[in-house]
C-alpha atoms as a PDB file:
ATOM      1  CA  ARG A   1      22.591  27.130 -15.683  1.00  0.00           C
ATOM      2  CA  ALA A   2      23.241  25.739 -12.221  1.00  0.00           C
ATOM      3  CA  LEU A   3      19.587  24.735 -11.878  1.00  0.00           C
ATOM      4  CA  ASP A   4      19.675  22.801 -15.157  1.00  0.00           C
ATOM      5  CA  GLY A   5      21.566  20.021 -13.392  1.00  0.00           C
ATOM      6  CA  LEU A   6      18.724  19.551 -10.893  1.00  0.00           C
ATOM      7  CA  HIS A   7      16.124  18.413 -13.428  1.00  0.00           C
ATOM      8  CA  PRO A   8      17.605  14.910 -13.875  1.00  0.00           C
ATOM      9  CA  ILE A   9      17.688  14.473 -10.079  1.00  0.00           C
ATOM     10  CA  VAL A  10      14.020  15.427  -9.742  1.00  0.00           C
ATOM     11  CA  ASP A  11      13.119  13.151 -12.648  1.00  0.00           C
ATOM     12  CA  GLN A  12      14.994  10.258 -11.009  1.00  0.00           C
ATOM     13  CA  ARG A  13      13.184  10.806  -7.699  1.00  0.00           C
ATOM     14  CA  LYS A  14       9.835  10.938  -9.502  1.00  0.00           C
ATOM     15  CA  ALA A  15      10.596   7.593 -11.118  1.00  0.00           C
ATOM     16  CA  ILE A  16      12.050   5.873  -8.038  1.00  0.00           C
ATOM     17  CA  LEU A  17       9.652   6.961  -5.278  1.00  0.00           C
ATOM     18  CA  PRO A  18       6.586   5.005  -6.519  1.00  0.00           C
ATOM     19  CA  ALA A  19       8.711   1.851  -6.768  1.00  0.00           C
ATOM     20  CA  VAL A  20      10.025   2.385  -3.240  1.00  0.00           C
ATOM     21  CA  ALA A  21       6.441   2.946  -2.072  1.00  0.00           C
ATOM     22  CA  HIS A  22       5.457  -0.375  -3.636  1.00  0.00           C
ATOM     23  CA  HIS A  23       8.323  -2.026  -1.747  1.00  0.00           C
ATOM     24  CA  TRP A  24       7.115  -0.596   1.591  1.00  0.00           C
ATOM     25  CA  GLN A  25       3.556  -1.605   0.812  1.00  0.00           C
ATOM     26  CA  GLN A  26       4.668  -5.183   0.151  1.00  0.00           C
ATOM     27  CA  ALA A  27       6.614  -5.066   3.432  1.00  0.00           C
ATOM     28  CA  ASP A  28       3.327  -4.148   5.164  1.00  0.00           C
ATOM     29  CA  ASP A  29       4.554  -0.682   6.159  1.00  0.00           C
ATOM     30  CA  PRO A  30       1.812   1.636   4.861  1.00  0.00           C
ATOM     31  CA  GLU A  31       3.207   4.694   6.650  1.00  0.00           C
ATOM     32  CA  ARG A  32       6.520   4.560   4.778  1.00  0.00           C
ATOM     33  CA  ALA A  33       4.746   3.713   1.528  1.00  0.00           C
ATOM     34  CA  CYS A  34       2.523   6.705   2.118  1.00  0.00           C
ATOM     35  CA  GLU A  35       5.511   9.012   2.659  1.00  0.00           C
ATOM     36  CA  CYS A  36       7.055   7.927  -0.657  1.00  0.00           C
ATOM     37  CA  LEU A  37       3.786   8.355  -2.555  1.00  0.00           C
ATOM     38  CA  GLU A  38       3.237  11.766  -0.983  1.00  0.00           C
ATOM     39  CA  GLN A  39       6.723  12.942  -1.983  1.00  0.00           C
ATOM     40  CA  ALA A  40       6.244  11.621  -5.513  1.00  0.00           C
ATOM     41  CA  ALA A  41       2.860  13.351  -5.776  1.00  0.00           C
ATOM     42  CA  GLU A  42       4.344  16.652  -4.608  1.00  0.00           C
ATOM     43  CA  LEU A  43       7.108  16.364  -7.216  1.00  0.00           C
ATOM     44  CA  ALA A  44       4.483  15.622  -9.866  1.00  0.00           C
ATOM     45  CA  LEU A  45       2.495  18.728  -8.873  1.00  0.00           C
ATOM     46  CA  GLU A  46       5.634  20.860  -8.939  1.00  0.00           C
ATOM     47  CA  SER A  47       6.354  19.689 -12.491  1.00  0.00           C
ATOM     48  CA  PHE A  48       2.685  20.190 -13.526  1.00  0.00           C
ATOM     49  CA  ALA A  49       2.129  16.461 -14.070  1.00  0.00           C
ATOM     50  CA  MET A  50      -1.418  16.708 -12.714  1.00  0.00           C
ATOM     51  CA  LEU A  51      -2.680  13.282 -13.809  1.00  0.00           C
ATOM     52  CA  GLU A  52       0.338  11.626 -12.216  1.00  0.00           C
ATOM     53  CA  ALA A  53      -0.194  13.606  -9.000  1.00  0.00           C
ATOM     54  CA  VAL A  54      -3.850  12.546  -8.883  1.00  0.00           C
ATOM     55  CA  GLU A  55      -2.903   8.896  -9.303  1.00  0.00           C
ATOM     56  CA  LEU A  56      -0.221   9.055  -6.601  1.00  0.00           C
ATOM     57  CA  TYR A  57      -2.397  10.834  -4.029  1.00  0.00           C
ATOM     58  CA  LYS A  58      -5.193   8.344  -4.649  1.00  0.00           C
ATOM     59  CA  LYS A  59      -2.770   5.456  -4.107  1.00  0.00           C
ATOM     60  CA  ALA A  60      -1.633   7.035  -0.832  1.00  0.00           C
ATOM     61  CA  MET A  61      -5.224   7.429   0.349  1.00  0.00           C
ATOM     62  CA  ALA A  62      -6.066   3.855  -0.637  1.00  0.00           C
ATOM     63  CA  LEU A  63      -3.498   2.586   1.866  1.00  0.00           C
ATOM     64  CA  PHE A  64      -5.797   3.646   4.710  1.00  0.00           C
ATOM     65  CA  ALA A  65      -9.463   2.621   4.540  1.00  0.00           C
ATOM     66  CA  GLN A  66     -10.097   4.302   7.888  1.00  0.00           C
ATOM     67  CA  PRO A  67      -7.385   6.925   8.433  1.00  0.00           C
ATOM     68  CA  PRO A  68      -5.977   7.099  11.946  1.00  0.00           C
ATOM     69  CA  ALA A  69      -6.634  10.374  13.772  1.00  0.00           C
ATOM     70  CA  GLU A  70      -3.034  11.560  13.352  1.00  0.00           C
ATOM     71  CA  LEU A  71      -3.307  11.170   9.576  1.00  0.00           C
ATOM     72  CA  ARG A  72      -6.526  13.165   9.136  1.00  0.00           C
ATOM     73  CA  VAL A  73      -4.794  16.557   8.749  1.00  0.00           C
ATOM     74  CA  ARG A  74      -2.348  15.100   6.251  1.00  0.00           C
ATOM     75  CA  MET A  75      -5.174  13.487   4.265  1.00  0.00           C
ATOM     76  CA  ALA A  76      -7.064  16.780   4.272  1.00  0.00           C
ATOM     77  CA  HIS A  77      -3.962  18.349   2.712  1.00  0.00           C
ATOM     78  CA  TRP A  78      -3.922  15.599   0.063  1.00  0.00           C
ATOM     79  CA  HIS A  79      -7.550  16.337  -0.756  1.00  0.00           C
ATOM     80  CA  VAL A  80      -6.673  20.024  -1.185  1.00  0.00           C
ATOM     81  CA  GLN A  81      -3.795  19.066  -3.471  1.00  0.00           C
ATOM     82  CA  LEU A  82      -6.142  16.807  -5.447  1.00  0.00           C
ATOM     83  CA  ALA A  83      -8.619  19.669  -5.736  1.00  0.00           C
ATOM     84  CA  ILE A  84      -5.856  21.881  -7.131  1.00  0.00           C
ATOM     85  CA  ALA A  85      -4.793  19.195  -9.608  1.00  0.00           C
ATOM     86  CA  TYR A  86      -8.369  18.610 -10.768  1.00  0.00           C
ATOM     87  CA  LEU A  87      -8.892  22.357 -11.074  1.00  0.00           C
ATOM     88  CA  GLN A  88      -5.804  22.560 -13.296  1.00  0.00           C
ATOM     89  CA  LEU A  89      -7.224  19.698 -15.363  1.00  0.00           C
ATOM     90  CA  GLY A  90     -10.547  21.529 -15.707  1.00  0.00           C
ATOM     91  CA  ASN A  91     -12.480  18.908 -13.752  1.00  0.00           C
ATOM     92  CA  LEU A  92     -14.529  21.193 -11.481  1.00  0.00           C
ATOM     93  CA  PRO A  93     -16.875  18.520 -10.042  1.00  0.00           C
ATOM     94  CA  SER A  94     -13.928  16.426  -8.819  1.00  0.00           C
ATOM     95  CA  ALA A  95     -12.166  19.521  -7.483  1.00  0.00           C
ATOM     96  CA  SER A  96     -15.286  20.468  -5.529  1.00  0.00           C
ATOM     97  CA  GLN A  97     -15.647  16.927  -4.196  1.00  0.00           C
ATOM     98  CA  HIS A  98     -12.084  16.962  -2.843  1.00  0.00           C
ATOM     99  CA  VAL A  99     -12.563  20.371  -1.225  1.00  0.00           C
ATOM    100  CA  ASP A 100     -15.625  18.950   0.537  1.00  0.00           C
ATOM    101  CA  SER A 101     -13.626  15.880   1.595  1.00  0.00           C
ATOM    102  CA  ALA A 102     -10.818  18.051   2.981  1.00  0.00           C
ATOM    103  CA  LEU A 103     -13.327  20.080   4.991  1.00  0.00           C
ATOM    104  CA  ALA A 104     -15.073  16.947   6.256  1.00  0.00           C
ATOM    105  CA  LEU A 105     -11.767  15.493   7.485  1.00  0.00           C
ATOM    106  CA  GLN A 106     -11.419  18.661   9.546  1.00  0.00           C
ATOM    107  CA  ASP A 107     -14.970  18.225  10.881  1.00  0.00           C
ATOM    108  CA  PHE A 108     -16.261  21.219   8.924  1.00  0.00           C
ATOM    109  CA  VAL A 109     -19.388  20.857   6.840  1.00  0.00           C
ATOM    110  CA  MET A 110     -20.368  23.540   4.340  1.00  0.00           C
ATOM    111  CA  PRO A 111     -23.630  25.096   5.505  1.00  0.00           C
ATOM    112  CA  SER A 112     -26.559  25.306   3.124  1.00  0.00           C
ATOM    113  CA  GLY A 113     -28.410  28.556   2.570  1.00  0.00           C
ATOM    114  CA  ARG A 114     -27.128  32.110   2.629  1.00  0.00           C
ATOM    115  CA  LEU A 115     -27.664  32.817   6.343  1.00  0.00           C
ATOM    116  CA  ARG A 116     -26.090  29.545   7.418  1.00  0.00           C
ATOM    117  CA  LEU A 117     -23.163  30.199   5.093  1.00  0.00           C
ATOM    118  CA  TRP A 118     -22.501  33.586   6.713  1.00  0.00           C
ATOM    119  CA  LEU A 119     -22.876  32.124  10.203  1.00  0.00           C
ATOM    120  CA  GLY A 120     -20.438  29.404   9.192  1.00  0.00           C
ATOM    121  CA  TYR A 121     -17.922  32.050   8.063  1.00  0.00           C
ATOM    122  CA  VAL A 122     -18.307  33.912  11.360  1.00  0.00           C
ATOM    123  CA  LYS A 123     -17.822  30.691  13.345  1.00  0.00           C
ATOM    124  CA  LEU A 124     -14.776  29.792  11.256  1.00  0.00           C
ATOM    125  CA  ALA A 125     -13.259  33.271  11.739  1.00  0.00           C
ATOM    126  CA  LEU A 126     -13.834  33.158  15.507  1.00  0.00           C
ATOM    127  CA  THR A 127     -12.327  29.674  15.715  1.00  0.00           C
ATOM    128  CA  HIS A 128      -9.316  30.855  13.720  1.00  0.00           C
ATOM    129  CA  GLN A 129      -8.828  33.854  16.029  1.00  0.00           C
ATOM    130  CA  ARG A 130      -9.137  31.638  19.122  1.00  0.00           C
ATOM    131  CA  ASN A 131      -6.498  29.287  17.698  1.00  0.00           C
ATOM    132  CA  LEU A 132      -4.171  32.210  16.993  1.00  0.00           C
ATOM    133  CA  LEU A 133      -4.577  33.616  20.500  1.00  0.00           C
ATOM    134  CA  PHE A 134      -4.540  30.286  22.326  1.00  0.00           C
ATOM    135  CA  PRO A 135      -2.543  27.744  20.311  1.00  0.00           C
ATOM    136  CA  ARG A 136      -2.854  24.130  21.398  1.00  0.00           C
END
């Protein structure tokens, strides 16, 4: 019962955040607009509003034609979230495209062929282990 009171708050945030993002965009502050759109998209995903989440993540990405280096990891996360949303919508080609985009933003390209795929997995595993042992 206590959680029932939270639904109107979440619904209000979902409705307000895109409008606030528009305000920041008009004020020529894409970073703040992006934060609002990202929050709204996350709320949409949490409430299984996949089409709304797709629209909001795309609007956030459209704010940056060439993403700055510090935004690349965040944009890769958005592509993963878009892939999840498209998967939930049954749109496998779009889901696959966003997985590829997320990997490309992290400078990882899917290898072609079986041997190259396995070598790519080995390289990825070794890189992961190195990052665990020697964090930057």
